[in-house]
N, C-alpha and C. Protein backbone atom coordinates (compact mmCIF):
# COMPACT_ATOMS: atom_id res chain seq x y z
N MET A 1 -78.17 153.18 124.27
CA MET A 1 -77.81 153.00 125.57
C MET A 1 -78.41 151.54 126.13
N THR A 2 -77.25 150.83 126.47
CA THR A 2 -77.17 149.46 126.46
C THR A 2 -77.87 149.31 128.21
N LEU A 3 -78.17 147.96 128.50
CA LEU A 3 -78.83 147.88 129.78
C LEU A 3 -77.72 147.70 130.71
N GLU A 4 -76.39 147.35 130.11
CA GLU A 4 -75.11 147.24 131.24
C GLU A 4 -74.78 148.64 131.78
N LYS A 5 -75.42 149.65 130.63
CA LYS A 5 -74.63 151.09 131.12
C LYS A 5 -75.75 151.61 132.51
N ILE A 6 -76.91 151.44 132.08
CA ILE A 6 -77.68 151.99 133.38
C ILE A 6 -78.10 151.10 134.28
N GLY A 7 -77.13 149.89 134.52
CA GLY A 7 -76.97 149.03 135.65
C GLY A 7 -78.19 148.27 135.95
N ILE A 8 -79.05 147.79 134.78
CA ILE A 8 -80.26 146.98 134.88
C ILE A 8 -79.75 145.56 134.80
N LEU A 9 -79.04 145.22 134.05
CA LEU A 9 -78.46 143.85 133.82
C LEU A 9 -77.25 143.51 134.20
N SER A 10 -77.13 142.70 135.21
CA SER A 10 -75.72 141.98 135.65
C SER A 10 -75.27 140.92 134.61
N SER A 11 -74.20 140.52 134.75
CA SER A 11 -73.32 139.45 134.15
C SER A 11 -74.06 138.23 134.65
N ILE A 12 -74.02 137.19 133.61
CA ILE A 12 -74.66 135.98 133.93
C ILE A 12 -73.81 135.29 135.22
N GLU A 13 -72.40 135.87 135.24
CA GLU A 13 -71.54 135.19 136.01
C GLU A 13 -71.68 135.48 137.58
N ASP A 14 -72.42 136.61 137.62
CA ASP A 14 -72.81 137.22 138.92
C ASP A 14 -74.16 136.68 139.59
N ILE A 15 -74.94 135.96 138.55
CA ILE A 15 -76.19 135.43 139.20
C ILE A 15 -75.93 134.09 139.46
N LYS A 16 -76.42 133.82 141.03
CA LYS A 16 -76.19 132.60 141.69
C LYS A 16 -77.79 132.13 142.31
N VAL A 17 -77.63 131.13 142.32
CA VAL A 17 -78.91 130.32 142.86
C VAL A 17 -78.55 129.48 143.99
N ALA A 18 -79.13 129.69 144.90
CA ALA A 18 -78.63 128.75 146.05
C ALA A 18 -79.20 127.42 145.92
N PRO A 19 -78.49 126.47 146.36
CA PRO A 19 -78.85 124.92 146.15
C PRO A 19 -80.21 124.60 146.77
N GLU A 20 -80.42 125.45 147.88
CA GLU A 20 -81.54 124.88 148.93
C GLU A 20 -82.97 125.65 148.09
N THR A 21 -82.57 126.57 146.69
CA THR A 21 -83.83 127.15 146.28
C THR A 21 -84.52 125.83 145.66
N PHE A 22 -83.95 124.86 145.04
CA PHE A 22 -84.87 123.72 144.60
C PHE A 22 -85.19 122.79 145.51
N THR A 23 -86.45 122.29 145.27
CA THR A 23 -87.01 121.05 146.11
C THR A 23 -86.82 119.88 145.59
N ARG A 24 -86.25 119.18 146.34
CA ARG A 24 -85.60 117.62 145.68
C ARG A 24 -87.06 116.90 145.83
N CYS A 25 -87.25 116.18 145.05
CA CYS A 25 -88.46 115.20 144.72
C CYS A 25 -88.27 114.11 145.61
N PRO A 26 -89.25 113.46 146.10
CA PRO A 26 -88.98 112.15 146.69
C PRO A 26 -88.47 110.98 146.08
N PRO A 27 -87.68 110.22 146.42
CA PRO A 27 -87.05 108.97 145.76
C PRO A 27 -88.04 108.14 144.93
N TYR A 28 -89.11 108.27 145.43
CA TYR A 28 -90.29 107.26 144.88
C TYR A 28 -91.16 108.02 143.66
N TYR A 29 -90.75 109.52 143.37
CA TYR A 29 -91.75 110.25 142.74
C TYR A 29 -91.59 109.74 141.32
N ASN A 30 -90.70 109.33 140.68
CA ASN A 30 -90.93 108.80 139.21
C ASN A 30 -91.65 107.55 139.29
N LEU A 31 -91.33 106.56 140.03
CA LEU A 31 -92.23 105.52 140.05
C LEU A 31 -93.68 105.44 140.41
N THR A 32 -94.00 106.40 140.95
CA THR A 32 -95.55 106.90 141.35
C THR A 32 -95.99 107.46 140.46
N MET A 33 -95.30 108.15 139.55
CA MET A 33 -95.97 108.85 138.47
C MET A 33 -96.29 107.49 137.50
N LYS A 34 -95.24 106.88 137.27
CA LYS A 34 -95.25 105.73 136.45
C LYS A 34 -96.97 104.91 136.80
N ILE A 35 -96.92 104.60 138.00
CA ILE A 35 -98.10 103.86 138.58
C ILE A 35 -99.26 104.32 138.18
N THR A 36 -99.40 106.01 138.67
CA THR A 36 -100.44 106.45 138.43
C THR A 36 -100.75 106.74 136.93
N GLY A 37 -99.79 106.97 136.24
CA GLY A 37 -100.24 107.17 134.72
C GLY A 37 -100.76 105.74 134.40
N GLY A 38 -100.38 104.53 134.59
CA GLY A 38 -100.71 103.27 134.12
C GLY A 38 -102.16 103.15 134.55
N ALA A 39 -102.61 103.58 135.92
CA ALA A 39 -103.67 103.23 136.37
C ALA A 39 -104.93 104.08 135.57
N PHE A 40 -104.34 105.42 135.36
CA PHE A 40 -105.28 106.22 134.56
C PHE A 40 -105.78 105.84 133.13
N LEU A 41 -104.56 105.21 132.65
CA LEU A 41 -104.72 104.96 131.25
C LEU A 41 -105.49 103.71 131.10
N VAL A 42 -105.55 102.55 132.26
CA VAL A 42 -106.50 101.41 132.21
C VAL A 42 -107.82 102.02 132.64
N LEU A 43 -108.06 102.97 133.39
CA LEU A 43 -109.46 103.29 133.52
C LEU A 43 -109.97 104.10 132.33
N LEU A 44 -109.19 104.59 131.56
CA LEU A 44 -109.83 105.04 130.51
C LEU A 44 -110.46 104.19 129.31
N ILE A 45 -109.28 103.15 129.47
CA ILE A 45 -110.00 101.82 128.61
C ILE A 45 -111.05 101.56 128.98
N ALA A 46 -111.27 101.03 130.23
CA ALA A 46 -112.35 100.50 130.88
C ALA A 46 -113.66 101.37 130.64
N VAL A 47 -113.51 102.69 130.66
CA VAL A 47 -114.77 103.75 130.61
C VAL A 47 -115.11 103.50 128.89
N ALA A 48 -114.16 103.75 128.00
CA ALA A 48 -114.44 103.40 126.72
C ALA A 48 -115.19 102.10 126.25
N ILE A 49 -114.63 101.18 126.89
CA ILE A 49 -115.29 99.65 126.66
C ILE A 49 -116.66 99.57 126.92
N VAL A 50 -117.04 100.27 128.27
CA VAL A 50 -118.26 100.02 128.92
C VAL A 50 -119.14 101.21 128.01
N MET A 51 -118.90 102.22 127.69
CA MET A 51 -119.71 103.31 126.89
C MET A 51 -120.04 102.54 125.48
N ILE A 52 -118.95 101.81 124.78
CA ILE A 52 -119.16 101.36 123.60
C ILE A 52 -120.19 100.19 123.55
N LEU A 53 -120.34 99.24 124.66
CA LEU A 53 -121.18 98.39 124.98
C LEU A 53 -122.57 98.71 125.07
N ARG A 54 -122.62 99.76 125.95
CA ARG A 54 -124.17 100.53 126.11
C ARG A 54 -124.48 101.24 124.69
N ALA A 55 -123.65 101.67 124.04
CA ALA A 55 -124.32 102.52 122.79
C ALA A 55 -124.49 101.60 121.67
N LYS A 56 -123.91 100.29 121.54
CA LYS A 56 -124.11 99.65 120.31
C LYS A 56 -125.25 98.64 120.40
N GLU A 57 -125.50 98.28 121.55
CA GLU A 57 -126.90 97.38 121.77
C GLU A 57 -126.45 96.21 120.94
N VAL A 58 -125.44 95.55 120.78
CA VAL A 58 -125.22 94.65 120.03
C VAL A 58 -125.89 93.22 120.75
N GLU A 59 -126.21 92.06 119.66
CA GLU A 59 -126.92 90.98 120.30
C GLU A 59 -125.83 90.12 120.87
N HIS A 60 -124.79 90.08 120.56
CA HIS A 60 -123.76 89.14 121.16
C HIS A 60 -122.72 89.63 122.09
N VAL A 61 -123.56 90.34 123.00
CA VAL A 61 -122.78 91.11 124.05
C VAL A 61 -121.74 90.08 124.93
N ARG A 62 -122.62 88.88 125.24
CA ARG A 62 -121.66 87.63 126.04
C ARG A 62 -120.44 87.21 125.48
N ASP A 63 -120.73 87.20 124.02
CA ASP A 63 -119.45 86.63 123.70
C ASP A 63 -118.39 87.66 123.28
N ASP A 64 -118.71 88.94 122.91
CA ASP A 64 -117.53 90.04 123.14
C ASP A 64 -116.86 90.29 124.31
N ILE A 65 -117.75 90.05 125.49
CA ILE A 65 -117.11 90.29 126.77
C ILE A 65 -116.16 88.95 126.99
N ALA A 66 -116.65 87.77 126.79
CA ALA A 66 -115.86 86.70 127.04
C ALA A 66 -114.53 86.81 126.51
N ARG A 67 -114.63 87.55 125.08
CA ARG A 67 -113.17 87.60 124.61
C ARG A 67 -112.35 88.68 125.39
N MET A 68 -113.04 89.77 125.95
CA MET A 68 -112.39 91.02 126.50
C MET A 68 -111.88 90.40 128.04
N VAL A 69 -112.61 89.88 128.66
CA VAL A 69 -112.20 89.79 130.17
C VAL A 69 -110.86 89.02 130.24
N PRO A 70 -110.35 88.13 129.50
CA PRO A 70 -109.09 87.50 129.83
C PRO A 70 -108.02 88.72 129.65
N TYR A 71 -108.03 89.57 128.96
CA TYR A 71 -107.31 90.93 128.73
C TYR A 71 -107.36 91.63 129.80
N LEU A 72 -108.20 91.42 130.92
CA LEU A 72 -108.68 92.42 131.70
C LEU A 72 -108.25 91.82 133.36
N GLU A 73 -107.82 90.63 133.19
CA GLU A 73 -107.70 90.01 134.62
C GLU A 73 -106.22 90.57 135.22
N GLU A 74 -106.17 90.78 136.44
CA GLU A 74 -105.13 91.02 136.96
C GLU A 74 -103.88 89.90 137.04
N GLN A 75 -102.63 90.61 136.64
CA GLN A 75 -101.69 89.82 136.45
C GLN A 75 -100.81 89.48 137.91
N GLY A 76 -100.18 88.07 137.98
CA GLY A 76 -99.51 87.81 138.99
C GLY A 76 -100.46 87.55 140.56
N VAL A 77 -101.75 87.31 140.26
CA VAL A 77 -102.63 87.03 141.30
C VAL A 77 -103.07 85.52 141.08
N GLU A 78 -102.94 84.60 142.01
CA GLU A 78 -103.48 83.27 141.95
C GLU A 78 -104.90 83.21 142.60
N GLY A 79 -105.69 82.78 141.62
CA GLY A 79 -107.04 82.91 142.07
C GLY A 79 -107.46 81.53 143.00
N ARG A 80 -108.59 81.91 143.79
CA ARG A 80 -108.85 80.94 144.80
C ARG A 80 -110.42 81.09 144.84
N THR A 81 -110.83 80.04 145.09
CA THR A 81 -112.61 79.99 145.30
C THR A 81 -113.01 80.56 146.29
N MET A 82 -113.76 81.80 146.51
CA MET A 82 -114.49 82.06 147.56
C MET A 82 -115.21 81.34 148.41
N ARG A 83 -115.21 81.29 149.74
CA ARG A 83 -116.37 80.55 150.43
C ARG A 83 -116.94 81.97 151.24
N HIS A 84 -118.34 81.99 151.12
CA HIS A 84 -119.18 82.93 151.55
C HIS A 84 -118.90 83.13 153.00
N ARG A 85 -118.84 82.13 153.77
CA ARG A 85 -118.55 82.43 155.30
C ARG A 85 -117.27 83.07 155.58
N ASP A 86 -116.41 82.80 154.83
CA ASP A 86 -115.00 83.20 155.06
C ASP A 86 -114.97 84.73 154.55
N ALA A 87 -115.69 85.22 153.43
CA ALA A 87 -115.77 86.45 153.11
C ALA A 87 -116.50 87.41 154.00
N LEU A 88 -117.72 86.84 154.62
CA LEU A 88 -118.50 87.40 155.38
C LEU A 88 -117.79 87.77 156.83
N ALA A 89 -116.80 86.51 157.08
CA ALA A 89 -116.00 87.00 158.55
C ALA A 89 -114.91 88.20 158.21
N ARG A 90 -114.43 88.50 157.03
CA ARG A 90 -113.61 89.41 156.69
C ARG A 90 -114.41 90.68 156.58
N ILE A 91 -115.60 90.54 156.19
CA ILE A 91 -116.47 91.73 156.20
C ILE A 91 -116.66 92.31 157.63
N LYS A 92 -117.12 91.40 158.61
CA LYS A 92 -117.47 91.82 159.83
C LYS A 92 -116.07 92.13 160.54
N GLU A 93 -114.88 91.56 160.37
CA GLU A 93 -113.73 92.31 160.84
C GLU A 93 -113.39 93.77 160.65
N LEU A 94 -113.62 94.00 159.39
CA LEU A 94 -113.44 95.46 158.88
C LEU A 94 -114.50 96.40 159.34
N GLU A 95 -115.88 95.57 159.62
CA GLU A 95 -116.76 96.46 160.15
C GLU A 95 -116.41 97.06 161.64
N SER A 96 -115.95 95.96 162.33
CA SER A 96 -115.52 96.24 163.71
C SER A 96 -114.09 97.29 163.73
N LEU A 97 -113.49 97.26 162.65
CA LEU A 97 -112.32 98.21 162.44
C LEU A 97 -112.92 99.82 162.33
N CYS A 98 -113.74 99.75 161.46
CA CYS A 98 -114.24 101.12 161.15
C CYS A 98 -114.82 101.48 162.44
N ALA A 99 -115.36 100.73 163.12
CA ALA A 99 -116.02 101.34 164.52
C ALA A 99 -114.78 101.77 165.75
N SER A 100 -113.93 101.21 165.36
CA SER A 100 -112.69 101.83 165.99
C SER A 100 -111.66 102.48 165.34
N PRO A 101 -111.78 103.50 164.75
CA PRO A 101 -110.76 104.01 163.68
C PRO A 101 -109.27 104.27 164.42
N SER A 102 -109.20 104.22 165.77
CA SER A 102 -107.89 104.62 166.44
C SER A 102 -107.02 103.13 166.10
N LEU A 103 -107.72 102.11 165.79
CA LEU A 103 -106.94 100.87 165.85
C LEU A 103 -106.26 100.55 164.11
N ILE A 104 -106.81 101.57 163.55
CA ILE A 104 -106.63 101.28 161.75
C ILE A 104 -105.33 101.51 161.57
N ALA A 105 -104.21 102.52 161.96
CA ALA A 105 -103.06 102.59 161.75
C ALA A 105 -102.23 101.25 161.93
N SER A 106 -102.36 100.68 163.21
CA SER A 106 -101.82 99.63 163.88
C SER A 106 -102.38 98.45 163.07
N SER A 107 -103.28 98.60 162.17
CA SER A 107 -103.95 97.14 161.66
C SER A 107 -103.69 97.07 159.98
N VAL A 108 -102.58 97.90 159.70
CA VAL A 108 -102.28 97.80 158.14
C VAL A 108 -101.60 96.76 157.76
N PRO A 109 -100.69 95.98 158.66
CA PRO A 109 -100.43 94.66 157.92
C PRO A 109 -101.52 93.60 157.63
N ARG A 110 -102.38 93.50 158.73
CA ARG A 110 -103.60 92.70 158.65
C ARG A 110 -104.40 93.37 157.36
N LEU A 111 -104.62 94.62 157.08
CA LEU A 111 -105.18 95.09 155.88
C LEU A 111 -104.59 94.55 154.80
N ARG A 112 -103.37 94.55 154.79
CA ARG A 112 -102.50 94.08 153.52
C ARG A 112 -102.99 92.49 153.17
N GLN A 113 -103.07 91.68 154.09
CA GLN A 113 -103.34 90.28 154.21
C GLN A 113 -105.10 90.11 153.82
N VAL A 114 -105.92 90.96 154.15
CA VAL A 114 -107.47 90.88 153.69
C VAL A 114 -107.31 91.29 152.07
N ALA A 115 -106.44 92.35 151.50
CA ALA A 115 -106.49 92.85 150.58
C ALA A 115 -106.03 91.82 149.58
N GLU A 116 -104.99 90.78 150.00
CA GLU A 116 -104.38 89.97 149.30
C GLU A 116 -105.37 88.67 148.71
N GLU A 117 -106.19 88.60 150.09
CA GLU A 117 -107.26 87.49 150.06
C GLU A 117 -108.52 87.71 148.99
N ALA A 118 -108.77 89.14 149.26
CA ALA A 118 -110.01 89.62 148.41
C ALA A 118 -109.42 89.64 146.79
N ALA A 119 -107.94 90.04 146.61
CA ALA A 119 -107.70 89.72 145.44
C ALA A 119 -107.80 88.26 144.48
N SER A 120 -107.34 87.40 145.35
CA SER A 120 -107.30 86.23 145.15
C SER A 120 -108.72 85.64 144.60
N TRP A 121 -109.58 85.92 145.49
CA TRP A 121 -111.14 85.47 145.54
C TRP A 121 -111.57 86.23 144.12
N ALA A 122 -111.47 87.50 143.90
CA ALA A 122 -111.52 88.24 142.57
C ALA A 122 -111.22 87.48 141.31
N ALA A 123 -109.78 87.17 141.53
CA ALA A 123 -109.15 86.50 140.53
C ALA A 123 -109.89 85.01 140.01
N GLY A 124 -110.19 84.69 141.41
CA GLY A 124 -110.74 82.94 141.09
C GLY A 124 -112.29 83.17 140.93
N SER A 125 -112.80 83.94 140.69
CA SER A 125 -114.49 84.16 140.56
C SER A 125 -114.86 84.35 139.30
N PRO A 126 -115.86 83.66 138.84
CA PRO A 126 -116.28 83.74 137.51
C PRO A 126 -116.78 85.25 137.05
N ALA A 127 -116.71 85.71 136.05
CA ALA A 127 -117.30 87.10 135.48
C ALA A 127 -118.43 86.92 134.53
N PRO A 128 -119.53 87.36 134.83
CA PRO A 128 -119.98 88.00 136.22
C PRO A 128 -120.18 86.90 137.11
N SER A 129 -120.33 87.37 138.40
CA SER A 129 -120.74 86.69 139.52
C SER A 129 -120.70 87.65 140.58
N VAL A 130 -121.83 87.22 141.64
CA VAL A 130 -121.70 87.86 143.01
C VAL A 130 -120.64 87.87 143.77
N GLU A 131 -119.71 86.60 143.60
CA GLU A 131 -118.43 86.28 144.36
C GLU A 131 -117.45 87.56 143.97
N LEU A 132 -117.77 87.63 142.60
CA LEU A 132 -116.51 88.68 141.96
C LEU A 132 -116.84 90.28 142.55
N THR A 133 -117.97 90.43 142.52
CA THR A 133 -118.68 91.74 142.90
C THR A 133 -118.40 91.77 144.45
N ALA A 134 -118.81 90.99 145.32
CA ALA A 134 -118.19 91.06 146.78
C ALA A 134 -116.85 91.17 147.04
N ALA A 135 -115.93 90.41 146.38
CA ALA A 135 -114.35 90.26 146.54
C ALA A 135 -113.97 91.80 146.06
N THR A 136 -114.45 92.44 144.73
CA THR A 136 -113.98 93.63 144.50
C THR A 136 -114.29 94.72 145.65
N ALA A 137 -115.72 94.65 146.07
CA ALA A 137 -115.99 95.52 146.90
C ALA A 137 -115.27 95.52 148.21
N LEU A 138 -114.94 94.18 148.62
CA LEU A 138 -114.24 94.25 150.01
C LEU A 138 -112.80 94.73 149.80
N ARG A 139 -112.12 94.54 148.64
CA ARG A 139 -110.96 95.12 148.18
C ARG A 139 -110.89 96.82 148.36
N SER A 140 -112.04 97.22 147.86
CA SER A 140 -112.14 98.42 147.77
C SER A 140 -112.26 99.05 149.22
N ALA A 141 -112.81 98.44 150.09
CA ALA A 141 -112.99 98.68 151.36
C ALA A 141 -111.57 98.80 152.05
N VAL A 142 -110.78 97.74 151.93
CA VAL A 142 -109.37 97.79 152.36
C VAL A 142 -108.49 99.10 151.91
N VAL A 143 -108.76 99.29 150.73
CA VAL A 143 -108.13 100.62 150.03
C VAL A 143 -108.11 101.77 151.14
N ALA A 144 -109.80 101.85 151.03
CA ALA A 144 -110.13 103.20 151.94
C ALA A 144 -109.57 103.28 153.16
N LEU A 145 -109.40 102.16 153.99
CA LEU A 145 -108.97 101.95 155.30
C LEU A 145 -107.43 102.44 155.51
N ARG A 146 -106.77 101.68 154.26
CA ARG A 146 -105.37 101.90 154.04
C ARG A 146 -105.18 103.44 153.90
N GLU A 147 -106.09 103.99 153.20
CA GLU A 147 -105.98 105.40 152.82
C GLU A 147 -106.12 106.49 154.24
N TYR A 148 -106.94 105.88 155.18
CA TYR A 148 -107.39 106.31 156.37
C TYR A 148 -106.34 106.47 157.08
N ALA A 149 -105.43 105.06 157.01
CA ALA A 149 -104.33 104.89 158.25
C ALA A 149 -103.18 106.17 157.83
N SER A 150 -102.97 106.59 156.63
CA SER A 150 -102.05 107.26 156.05
C SER A 150 -102.73 108.94 156.26
N ARG A 151 -103.89 109.18 155.78
CA ARG A 151 -104.53 110.44 156.15
C ARG A 151 -106.02 110.33 156.47
N PRO A 152 -105.97 110.19 157.78
CA PRO A 152 -107.23 110.19 158.55
C PRO A 152 -108.32 111.08 158.05
N SER A 153 -109.75 110.62 157.73
CA SER A 153 -110.32 111.65 157.33
C SER A 153 -111.67 110.73 157.26
N GLU A 154 -112.94 111.36 157.81
CA GLU A 154 -114.15 110.60 157.58
C GLU A 154 -114.66 110.10 156.32
N ARG A 155 -114.19 110.82 155.41
CA ARG A 155 -114.58 110.45 154.03
C ARG A 155 -114.19 109.18 153.89
N HIS A 156 -112.82 108.62 154.36
CA HIS A 156 -112.48 107.08 153.83
C HIS A 156 -113.24 106.28 154.69
N LEU A 157 -113.65 106.46 155.81
CA LEU A 157 -114.25 105.64 156.57
C LEU A 157 -115.55 105.45 156.20
N THR A 158 -116.36 106.65 155.52
CA THR A 158 -117.73 106.58 155.04
C THR A 158 -117.42 105.70 153.70
N LYS A 159 -116.41 105.66 152.87
CA LYS A 159 -116.27 105.07 151.68
C LYS A 159 -115.89 103.69 152.22
N ALA A 160 -115.45 103.13 153.29
CA ALA A 160 -115.09 101.69 153.53
C ALA A 160 -116.55 101.07 154.10
N ARG A 161 -117.13 102.09 154.79
CA ARG A 161 -118.69 101.17 155.22
C ARG A 161 -119.53 100.86 153.95
N SER A 162 -119.43 101.75 152.84
CA SER A 162 -120.28 101.68 151.90
C SER A 162 -119.82 100.50 151.08
N GLU A 163 -118.73 100.24 150.95
CA GLU A 163 -118.14 99.25 150.27
C GLU A 163 -118.35 97.80 150.81
N LEU A 164 -118.15 97.64 152.22
CA LEU A 164 -118.50 96.58 153.04
C LEU A 164 -120.12 96.35 153.01
N LEU A 165 -120.88 97.24 152.88
CA LEU A 165 -122.42 96.91 152.75
C LEU A 165 -122.59 96.15 151.40
N ASP A 166 -121.98 97.04 150.38
CA ASP A 166 -122.09 96.43 148.92
C ASP A 166 -121.60 95.02 149.00
N SER A 167 -120.36 94.74 149.41
CA SER A 167 -120.07 93.39 149.54
C SER A 167 -120.91 92.22 150.08
N LYS A 168 -121.35 92.67 151.35
CA LYS A 168 -122.10 92.15 152.07
C LYS A 168 -123.60 91.84 151.39
N SER A 169 -124.11 92.76 150.75
CA SER A 169 -125.38 92.77 149.86
C SER A 169 -125.24 91.81 148.71
N ALA A 170 -124.11 91.91 148.37
CA ALA A 170 -124.06 90.82 147.05
C ALA A 170 -124.00 89.30 147.61
N LEU A 171 -123.37 89.22 148.67
CA LEU A 171 -123.27 87.79 149.21
C LEU A 171 -124.60 87.05 149.57
N GLU A 172 -125.17 88.10 150.27
CA GLU A 172 -126.56 87.76 150.91
C GLU A 172 -127.61 88.00 149.90
N GLY A 173 -127.45 88.13 148.55
CA GLY A 173 -128.62 88.08 147.92
C GLY A 173 -129.37 89.22 147.58
N PHE A 174 -128.81 90.40 148.28
CA PHE A 174 -129.79 91.58 148.32
C PHE A 174 -129.55 92.65 146.71
N GLU A 175 -128.18 92.17 146.01
CA GLU A 175 -128.15 92.85 144.93
C GLU A 175 -128.50 92.21 143.86
N PRO A 176 -129.01 93.10 142.78
CA PRO A 176 -129.52 92.66 141.46
C PRO A 176 -128.56 91.71 141.10
N THR A 177 -129.01 90.70 139.99
CA THR A 177 -128.09 89.63 139.26
C THR A 177 -127.00 90.30 138.83
N THR A 178 -125.98 90.01 138.43
CA THR A 178 -124.80 90.82 137.85
C THR A 178 -125.00 90.60 136.28
N THR A 179 -124.30 91.47 135.75
CA THR A 179 -124.42 91.59 134.21
C THR A 179 -122.92 91.41 133.60
N GLN A 180 -122.84 91.33 132.45
CA GLN A 180 -121.53 91.23 131.80
C GLN A 180 -120.88 92.58 131.74
N THR A 181 -121.97 93.84 131.90
CA THR A 181 -121.02 95.14 132.04
C THR A 181 -120.57 95.11 133.52
N ASP A 182 -121.37 94.52 134.46
CA ASP A 182 -120.75 94.57 135.85
C ASP A 182 -119.61 93.51 135.72
N ALA A 183 -119.24 92.63 135.10
CA ALA A 183 -118.02 91.97 134.97
C ALA A 183 -116.82 92.78 134.73
N LEU A 184 -117.18 93.77 133.49
CA LEU A 184 -116.07 94.31 132.98
C LEU A 184 -115.68 95.47 134.13
N ARG A 185 -116.47 96.06 134.65
CA ARG A 185 -116.43 97.01 135.57
C ARG A 185 -115.75 96.47 136.93
N ASP A 186 -116.14 95.09 137.40
CA ASP A 186 -115.14 94.52 138.53
C ASP A 186 -113.76 94.32 138.06
N ARG A 187 -113.63 93.91 136.99
CA ARG A 187 -112.39 93.58 136.60
C ARG A 187 -111.42 94.61 136.36
N MET A 188 -112.08 95.83 135.92
CA MET A 188 -111.12 97.10 135.74
C MET A 188 -110.88 97.59 137.16
N LYS A 189 -111.99 97.50 137.82
CA LYS A 189 -111.68 97.88 139.29
C LYS A 189 -110.45 97.32 140.15
N ASN A 190 -110.50 95.94 139.83
CA ASN A 190 -109.60 95.24 140.56
C ASN A 190 -108.20 95.58 140.05
N ILE A 191 -108.01 95.89 138.79
CA ILE A 191 -106.62 96.32 138.04
C ILE A 191 -106.17 97.56 138.82
N ASP A 192 -107.40 98.59 138.90
CA ASP A 192 -106.95 100.01 139.31
C ASP A 192 -106.60 99.74 141.17
N TYR A 193 -107.30 98.87 141.58
CA TYR A 193 -107.23 98.57 142.96
C TYR A 193 -105.45 98.21 143.14
N SER A 194 -105.09 97.50 142.19
CA SER A 194 -103.73 96.95 142.29
C SER A 194 -102.79 97.93 142.25
N ARG A 195 -102.93 98.68 141.48
CA ARG A 195 -102.27 100.20 141.32
C ARG A 195 -102.20 101.03 142.30
N ARG A 196 -103.22 101.27 143.07
CA ARG A 196 -103.61 102.13 144.24
C ARG A 196 -102.65 101.37 145.30
N GLU A 197 -102.92 100.21 145.40
CA GLU A 197 -102.18 99.15 146.44
C GLU A 197 -100.49 99.54 146.52
N GLN A 198 -100.07 99.72 145.17
CA GLN A 198 -98.72 99.81 144.96
C GLN A 198 -98.38 101.11 145.42
N LEU A 199 -99.44 102.04 145.28
CA LEU A 199 -98.87 103.54 145.63
C LEU A 199 -99.05 103.75 147.31
N GLN A 200 -99.99 102.82 147.62
CA GLN A 200 -99.86 102.69 149.35
C GLN A 200 -98.65 101.87 149.91
N GLU A 201 -97.98 101.07 149.20
CA GLU A 201 -96.89 100.50 149.93
C GLU A 201 -95.80 101.42 149.92
N LEU A 202 -95.95 102.32 148.74
CA LEU A 202 -94.68 103.40 148.65
C LEU A 202 -94.94 104.29 149.70
N GLU A 203 -96.17 104.70 149.97
CA GLU A 203 -96.34 105.79 151.09
C GLU A 203 -96.19 105.26 152.53
N GLU A 204 -96.68 103.94 152.70
CA GLU A 204 -96.42 103.30 154.12
C GLU A 204 -94.80 103.11 154.02
N ALA A 205 -93.89 103.08 153.13
CA ALA A 205 -92.65 102.69 153.28
C ALA A 205 -91.80 103.96 153.85
N TYR A 206 -92.42 105.22 153.75
CA TYR A 206 -91.68 106.39 153.89
C TYR A 206 -92.30 107.00 155.10
């Protein structure tokens, strides 16, 4: 006895699916996946490098890092020398913004400017250095505040405040002397923040 005879199976021609059954992906979906995939790969490379350096305990780590760092620099960013007073002024500005969360959404254009400035300071700072660490933390704070503008959450504000404190501590000498491992970490973080900023640009455009 066939399935057709007992009425269980209809012909394929009779099976129709309404067009609205399928959900259309956002126009930026493919680009988002590529950016996310690239950022994930970069982070995996960073973790692998740091773990190797800590495990091997080689004598010439400085020389090894010096050869690696140029390959970890963010592309397309012109480096600028950081003036501590300028960086501290940006930190104070963002701290004020954290204290007035209702103003964050309307401050996104300004946050983009601060992010660009922090990126240029990071690119123009020696590795390792307190300037690189401070610029990296400042940029991270901006990323967190832009996240808050899109998806308000106390978690993002807490992250921003923590990064601003780290940035200030580095500039005011409260952080320990930076190491070669710190230099690798900061360079990799900046590459990651660049990817995240691209994603935020896409989100903010829609």
